[in-house]
Amino acid sequence: MRRTGIGISISLVPKQRNAVISGNVIADATRGAVVGTEYGKAVTGDLTKAPDARAAGVRVEGNAVG
């Protein structure tokens, strides 16, 4: 993904989930490379920079972010 607001949006609804976001190229995402959302609203920061307890069960690793 290039030149976008949010590179990858991961839904955090329902509260129990499992996901791996890996191996992506994300550049120039102004609102974050990988962001957790609830009903279309961003509720986490950029998950490639720091984990967030609200995104428990979501693994973000091995992405090229720039």
PDB file of N, CA and C in Angstrom:
ATOM      1  N   MET A   1       0.847  -1.151   0.000  1.00  0.00           N
ATOM      2  CA  MET A   1       0.000   0.000   0.000  1.00  0.00           C
ATOM      3  C   MET A   1       0.902   1.225   0.000  1.00  0.00           C
ATOM      4  N   ARG A   2       0.536   2.214  -0.780  1.00  0.00           N
ATOM      5  CA  ARG A   2       1.329   3.440  -0.850  1.00  0.00           C
ATOM      6  C   ARG A   2       0.407   4.652  -0.913  1.00  0.00           C
ATOM      7  N   ARG A   3       0.863   5.713  -0.279  1.00  0.00           N
ATOM      8  CA  ARG A   3       0.167   7.007  -0.305  1.00  0.00           C
ATOM      9  C   ARG A   3      -1.313   6.885   0.057  1.00  0.00           C
ATOM     10  N   THR A   4      -1.553   6.541   1.303  1.00  0.00           N
ATOM     11  CA  THR A   4      -2.921   6.356   1.791  1.00  0.00           C
ATOM     12  C   THR A   4      -3.034   6.892   3.210  1.00  0.00           C
ATOM     13  N   GLY A   5      -4.233   6.999   3.715  1.00  0.00           N
ATOM     14  CA  GLY A   5      -4.433   7.404   5.106  1.00  0.00           C
ATOM     15  C   GLY A   5      -3.988   6.302   6.048  1.00  0.00           C
ATOM     16  N   ILE A   6      -4.717   5.195   6.057  1.00  0.00           N
ATOM     17  CA  ILE A   6      -4.362   4.008   6.842  1.00  0.00           C
ATOM     18  C   ILE A   6      -3.965   2.922   5.859  1.00  0.00           C
ATOM     19  N   GLY A   7      -2.787   2.336   6.078  1.00  0.00           N
ATOM     20  CA  GLY A   7      -2.326   1.273   5.181  1.00  0.00           C
ATOM     21  C   GLY A   7      -3.215   0.040   5.280  1.00  0.00           C
ATOM     22  N   ILE A   8      -3.301  -0.537   6.470  1.00  0.00           N
ATOM     23  CA  ILE A   8      -4.135  -1.711   6.717  1.00  0.00           C
ATOM     24  C   ILE A   8      -4.958  -1.442   7.965  1.00  0.00           C
ATOM     25  N   SER A   9      -6.260  -1.617   7.851  1.00  0.00           N
ATOM     26  CA  SER A   9      -7.170  -1.450   8.978  1.00  0.00           C
ATOM     27  C   SER A   9      -7.598  -2.842   9.426  1.00  0.00           C
ATOM     28  N   ILE A  10      -7.417  -3.122  10.715  1.00  0.00           N
ATOM     29  CA  ILE A  10      -7.827  -4.415  11.253  1.00  0.00           C
ATOM     30  C   ILE A  10      -8.994  -4.202  12.218  1.00  0.00           C
ATOM     31  N   SER A  11     -10.106  -4.877  11.948  1.00  0.00           N
ATOM     32  CA  SER A  11     -11.282  -4.737  12.806  1.00  0.00           C
ATOM     33  C   SER A  11     -11.032  -5.409  14.150  1.00  0.00           C
ATOM     34  N   LEU A  12     -11.311  -4.691  15.217  1.00  0.00           N
ATOM     35  CA  LEU A  12     -11.159  -5.236  16.568  1.00  0.00           C
ATOM     36  C   LEU A  12     -12.501  -5.635  17.161  1.00  0.00           C
ATOM     37  N   VAL A  13     -13.489  -5.866  16.299  1.00  0.00           N
ATOM     38  CA  VAL A  13     -14.813  -6.311  16.708  1.00  0.00           C
ATOM     39  C   VAL A  13     -15.016  -7.691  16.117  1.00  0.00           C
ATOM     40  N   PRO A  14     -15.360  -8.712  16.825  1.00  0.00           N
ATOM     41  CA  PRO A  14     -15.600  -8.755  18.263  1.00  0.00           C
ATOM     42  C   PRO A  14     -14.297  -8.694  19.047  1.00  0.00           C
ATOM     43  N   LYS A  15     -14.404  -8.666  20.353  1.00  0.00           N
ATOM     44  CA  LYS A  15     -13.230  -8.496  21.216  1.00  0.00           C
ATOM     45  C   LYS A  15     -12.267  -9.679  21.155  1.00  0.00           C
ATOM     46  N   GLN A  16     -12.747 -10.860  20.805  1.00  0.00           N
ATOM     47  CA  GLN A  16     -11.875 -12.023  20.729  1.00  0.00           C
ATOM     48  C   GLN A  16     -11.565 -12.315  19.279  1.00  0.00           C
ATOM     49  N   ARG A  17     -10.283 -12.259  18.946  1.00  0.00           N
ATOM     50  CA  ARG A  17      -9.883 -12.429  17.549  1.00  0.00           C
ATOM     51  C   ARG A  17      -8.463 -12.972  17.480  1.00  0.00           C
ATOM     52  N   ASN A  18      -8.118 -13.483  16.320  1.00  0.00           N
ATOM     53  CA  ASN A  18      -6.758 -13.921  16.017  1.00  0.00           C
ATOM     54  C   ASN A  18      -6.448 -13.495  14.599  1.00  0.00           C
ATOM     55  N   ALA A  19      -5.329 -12.815  14.404  1.00  0.00           N
ATOM     56  CA  ALA A  19      -4.918 -12.393  13.071  1.00  0.00           C
ATOM     57  C   ALA A  19      -3.416 -12.184  13.055  1.00  0.00           C
ATOM     58  N   VAL A  20      -2.815 -12.429  11.899  1.00  0.00           N
ATOM     59  CA  VAL A  20      -1.403 -12.136  11.680  1.00  0.00           C
ATOM     60  C   VAL A  20      -1.332 -11.232  10.460  1.00  0.00           C
ATOM     61  N   ILE A  21      -0.681 -10.087  10.619  1.00  0.00           N
ATOM     62  CA  ILE A  21      -0.460  -9.162   9.509  1.00  0.00           C
ATOM     63  C   ILE A  21       1.040  -9.143   9.285  1.00  0.00           C
ATOM     64  N   SER A  22       1.475  -9.747   8.180  1.00  0.00           N
ATOM     65  CA  SER A  22       2.894  -9.951   7.950  1.00  0.00           C
ATOM     66  C   SER A  22       3.224  -9.900   6.463  1.00  0.00           C
ATOM     67  N   GLY A  23       4.434  -9.444   6.148  1.00  0.00           N
ATOM     68  CA  GLY A  23       4.937  -9.506   4.781  1.00  0.00           C
ATOM     69  C   GLY A  23       4.383  -8.461   3.835  1.00  0.00           C
ATOM     70  N   ASN A  24       3.909  -7.339   4.368  1.00  0.00           N
ATOM     71  CA  ASN A  24       3.349  -6.292   3.524  1.00  0.00           C
ATOM     72  C   ASN A  24       4.336  -5.147   3.338  1.00  0.00           C
ATOM     73  N   VAL A  25       4.199  -4.409   2.249  1.00  0.00           N
ATOM     74  CA  VAL A  25       4.957  -3.180   2.015  1.00  0.00           C
ATOM     75  C   VAL A  25       3.969  -2.032   2.164  1.00  0.00           C
ATOM     76  N   ILE A  26       4.246  -1.148   3.117  1.00  0.00           N
ATOM     77  CA  ILE A  26       3.339  -0.037   3.403  1.00  0.00           C
ATOM     78  C   ILE A  26       4.179   1.236   3.448  1.00  0.00           C
ATOM     79  N   ALA A  27       3.896   2.174   2.558  1.00  0.00           N
ATOM     80  CA  ALA A  27       4.670   3.414   2.491  1.00  0.00           C
ATOM     81  C   ALA A  27       3.743   4.617   2.439  1.00  0.00           C
ATOM     82  N   ASP A  28       4.151   5.675   3.122  1.00  0.00           N
ATOM     83  CA  ASP A  28       3.425   6.952   3.110  1.00  0.00           C
ATOM     84  C   ASP A  28       1.975   6.815   3.569  1.00  0.00           C
ATOM     85  N   ALA A  29       1.756   6.056   4.635  1.00  0.00           N
ATOM     86  CA  ALA A  29       0.421   5.941   5.237  1.00  0.00           C
ATOM     87  C   ALA A  29       0.349   7.009   6.332  1.00  0.00           C
ATOM     88  N   THR A  30      -0.330   8.093   6.065  1.00  0.00           N
ATOM     89  CA  THR A  30      -0.303   9.259   6.947  1.00  0.00           C
ATOM     90  C   THR A  30      -0.939   9.022   8.316  1.00  0.00           C
ATOM     91  N   ARG A  31      -1.896   8.110   8.423  1.00  0.00           N
ATOM     92  CA  ARG A  31      -2.574   7.850   9.707  1.00  0.00           C
ATOM     93  C   ARG A  31      -2.096   6.564  10.373  1.00  0.00           C
ATOM     94  N   GLY A  32      -1.136   5.875   9.758  1.00  0.00           N
ATOM     95  CA  GLY A  32      -0.581   4.668  10.345  1.00  0.00           C
ATOM     96  C   GLY A  32      -0.539   3.523   9.354  1.00  0.00           C
ATOM     97  N   ALA A  33       0.485   2.688   9.481  1.00  0.00           N
ATOM     98  CA  ALA A  33       0.652   1.556   8.575  1.00  0.00           C
ATOM     99  C   ALA A  33      -0.382   0.465   8.862  1.00  0.00           C
ATOM    100  N   VAL A  34      -0.548   0.120  10.140  1.00  0.00           N
ATOM    101  CA  VAL A  34      -1.546  -0.876  10.568  1.00  0.00           C
ATOM    102  C   VAL A  34      -2.263  -0.292  11.781  1.00  0.00           C
ATOM    103  N   VAL A  35      -3.569  -0.124  11.677  1.00  0.00           N
ATOM    104  CA  VAL A  35      -4.340   0.538  12.728  1.00  0.00           C
ATOM    105  C   VAL A  35      -5.558  -0.317  13.078  1.00  0.00           C
ATOM    106  N   GLY A  36      -5.802  -0.491  14.375  1.00  0.00           N
ATOM    107  CA  GLY A  36      -6.987  -1.201  14.836  1.00  0.00           C
ATOM    108  C   GLY A  36      -8.200  -0.294  14.814  1.00  0.00           C
ATOM    109  N   THR A  37      -9.322  -0.822  14.327  1.00  0.00           N
ATOM    110  CA  THR A  37     -10.540  -0.026  14.241  1.00  0.00           C
ATOM    111  C   THR A  37     -11.721  -0.768  14.868  1.00  0.00           C
ATOM    112  N   GLU A  38     -12.701   0.007  15.283  1.00  0.00           N
ATOM    113  CA  GLU A  38     -13.986  -0.536  15.738  1.00  0.00           C
ATOM    114  C   GLU A  38     -15.078   0.226  15.005  1.00  0.00           C
ATOM    115  N   TYR A  39     -15.849  -0.479  14.218  1.00  0.00           N
ATOM    116  CA  TYR A  39     -16.949   0.104  13.446  1.00  0.00           C
ATOM    117  C   TYR A  39     -16.481   1.294  12.605  1.00  0.00           C
ATOM    118  N   GLY A  40     -15.295   1.139  11.994  1.00  0.00           N
ATOM    119  CA  GLY A  40     -14.774   2.153  11.084  1.00  0.00           C
ATOM    120  C   GLY A  40     -14.019   3.293  11.746  1.00  0.00           C
ATOM    121  N   LYS A  41     -13.942   3.310  13.059  1.00  0.00           N
ATOM    122  CA  LYS A  41     -13.250   4.370  13.783  1.00  0.00           C
ATOM    123  C   LYS A  41     -11.915   3.841  14.316  1.00  0.00           C
ATOM    124  N   ALA A  42     -10.819   4.570  14.060  1.00  0.00           N
ATOM    125  CA  ALA A  42      -9.501   4.177  14.558  1.00  0.00           C
ATOM    126  C   ALA A  42      -9.487   4.239  16.079  1.00  0.00           C
ATOM    127  N   VAL A  43      -9.056   3.130  16.723  1.00  0.00           N
ATOM    128  CA  VAL A  43      -9.010   3.084  18.185  1.00  0.00           C
ATOM    129  C   VAL A  43      -7.619   2.762  18.716  1.00  0.00           C
ATOM    130  N   THR A  44      -6.667   2.500  17.824  1.00  0.00           N
ATOM    131  CA  THR A  44      -5.288   2.274  18.245  1.00  0.00           C
ATOM    132  C   THR A  44      -4.378   3.204  17.454  1.00  0.00           C
ATOM    133  N   GLY A  45      -3.153   3.273  17.891  1.00  0.00           N
ATOM    134  CA  GLY A  45      -2.139   3.936  17.100  1.00  0.00           C
ATOM    135  C   GLY A  45      -1.631   2.962  16.059  1.00  0.00           C
ATOM    136  N   ASP A  46      -0.491   3.262  15.489  1.00  0.00           N
ATOM    137  CA  ASP A  46       0.129   2.406  14.486  1.00  0.00           C
ATOM    138  C   ASP A  46       0.702   1.165  15.164  1.00  0.00           C
ATOM    139  N   LEU A  47       0.131   0.021  14.884  1.00  0.00           N
ATOM    140  CA  LEU A  47       0.538  -1.234  15.533  1.00  0.00           C
ATOM    141  C   LEU A  47       1.892  -1.735  15.050  1.00  0.00           C
ATOM    142  N   THR A  48       2.455  -1.145  13.996  1.00  0.00           N
ATOM    143  CA  THR A  48       3.818  -1.510  13.584  1.00  0.00           C
ATOM    144  C   THR A  48       4.844  -0.831  14.478  1.00  0.00           C
ATOM    145  N   LYS A  49       4.426   0.201  15.197  1.00  0.00           N
ATOM    146  CA  LYS A  49       5.351   0.952  16.061  1.00  0.00           C
ATOM    147  C   LYS A  49       5.291   0.507  17.509  1.00  0.00           C
ATOM    148  N   ALA A  50       4.106   0.141  17.984  1.00  0.00           N
ATOM    149  CA  ALA A  50       3.950  -0.270  19.381  1.00  0.00           C
ATOM    150  C   ALA A  50       2.703  -1.130  19.519  1.00  0.00           C
ATOM    151  N   PRO A  51       2.770  -2.161  20.361  1.00  0.00           N
ATOM    152  CA  PRO A  51       1.578  -2.978  20.591  1.00  0.00           C
ATOM    153  C   PRO A  51       0.526  -2.184  21.370  1.00  0.00           C
ATOM    154  N   ASP A  52      -0.698  -2.646  21.331  1.00  0.00           N
ATOM    155  CA  ASP A  52      -1.799  -1.994  22.044  1.00  0.00           C
ATOM    156  C   ASP A  52      -2.667  -3.100  22.630  1.00  0.00           C
ATOM    157  N   ALA A  53      -2.999  -2.998  23.901  1.00  0.00           N
ATOM    158  CA  ALA A  53      -3.798  -4.024  24.579  1.00  0.00           C
ATOM    159  C   ALA A  53      -5.153  -4.230  23.906  1.00  0.00           C
ATOM    160  N   ARG A  54      -5.688  -3.186  23.260  1.00  0.00           N
ATOM    161  CA  ARG A  54      -6.979  -3.316  22.579  1.00  0.00           C
ATOM    162  C   ARG A  54      -6.889  -4.252  21.376  1.00  0.00           C
ATOM    163  N   ALA A  55      -5.666  -4.499  20.895  1.00  0.00           N
ATOM    164  CA  ALA A  55      -5.467  -5.368  19.737  1.00  0.00           C
ATOM    165  C   ALA A  55      -4.904  -6.726  20.159  1.00  0.00           C
ATOM    166  N   ALA A  56      -5.281  -7.195  21.348  1.00  0.00           N
ATOM    167  CA  ALA A  56      -4.826  -8.506  21.822  1.00  0.00           C
ATOM    168  C   ALA A  56      -5.246  -9.571  20.815  1.00  0.00           C
ATOM    169  N   GLY A  57      -4.343 -10.483  20.510  1.00  0.00           N
ATOM    170  CA  GLY A  57      -4.631 -11.544  19.546  1.00  0.00           C
ATOM    171  C   GLY A  57      -4.246 -11.189  18.125  1.00  0.00           C
ATOM    172  N   VAL A  58      -3.805  -9.963  17.903  1.00  0.00           N
ATOM    173  CA  VAL A  58      -3.369  -9.533  16.573  1.00  0.00           C
ATOM    174  C   VAL A  58      -1.850  -9.433  16.581  1.00  0.00           C
ATOM    175  N   ARG A  59      -1.203 -10.198  15.700  1.00  0.00           N
ATOM    176  CA  ARG A  59       0.259 -10.144  15.566  1.00  0.00           C
ATOM    177  C   ARG A  59       0.604  -9.342  14.323  1.00  0.00           C
ATOM    178  N   VAL A  60       1.476  -8.353  14.490  1.00  0.00           N
ATOM    179  CA  VAL A  60       1.939  -7.510  13.390  1.00  0.00           C
ATOM    180  C   VAL A  60       3.461  -7.665  13.353  1.00  0.00           C
ATOM    181  N   GLU A  61       3.963  -8.285  12.267  1.00  0.00           N
ATOM    182  CA  GLU A  61       5.397  -8.568  12.203  1.00  0.00           C
ATOM    183  C   GLU A  61       5.852  -8.712  10.764  1.00  0.00           C
ATOM    184  N   GLY A  62       7.110  -8.391  10.533  1.00  0.00           N
ATOM    185  CA  GLY A  62       7.714  -8.637   9.223  1.00  0.00           C
ATOM    186  C   GLY A  62       7.180  -7.781   8.100  1.00  0.00           C
ATOM    187  N   ASN A  63       6.664  -6.609   8.406  1.00  0.00           N
ATOM    188  CA  ASN A  63       6.170  -5.701   7.374  1.00  0.00           C
ATOM    189  C   ASN A  63       7.239  -4.666   7.071  1.00  0.00           C
ATOM    190  N   ALA A  64       7.351  -4.249   5.811  1.00  0.00           N
ATOM    191  CA  ALA A  64       8.265  -3.179   5.434  1.00  0.00           C
ATOM    192  C   ALA A  64       7.470  -1.876   5.446  1.00  0.00           C
ATOM    193  N   VAL A  65       7.823  -1.004   6.388  1.00  0.00           N
ATOM    194  CA  VAL A  65       7.075   0.241   6.569  1.00  0.00           C
ATOM    195  C   VAL A  65       8.024   1.415   6.346  1.00  0.00           C
ATOM    196  N   GLY A  66       7.560   2.363   5.532  1.00  0.00           N
ATOM    197  CA  GLY A  66       8.430   3.523   5.274  1.00  0.00           C
ATOM    198  C   GLY A  66       7.660   4.737   4.892  1.00  0.00           C
TER     199      GLY A  66
END
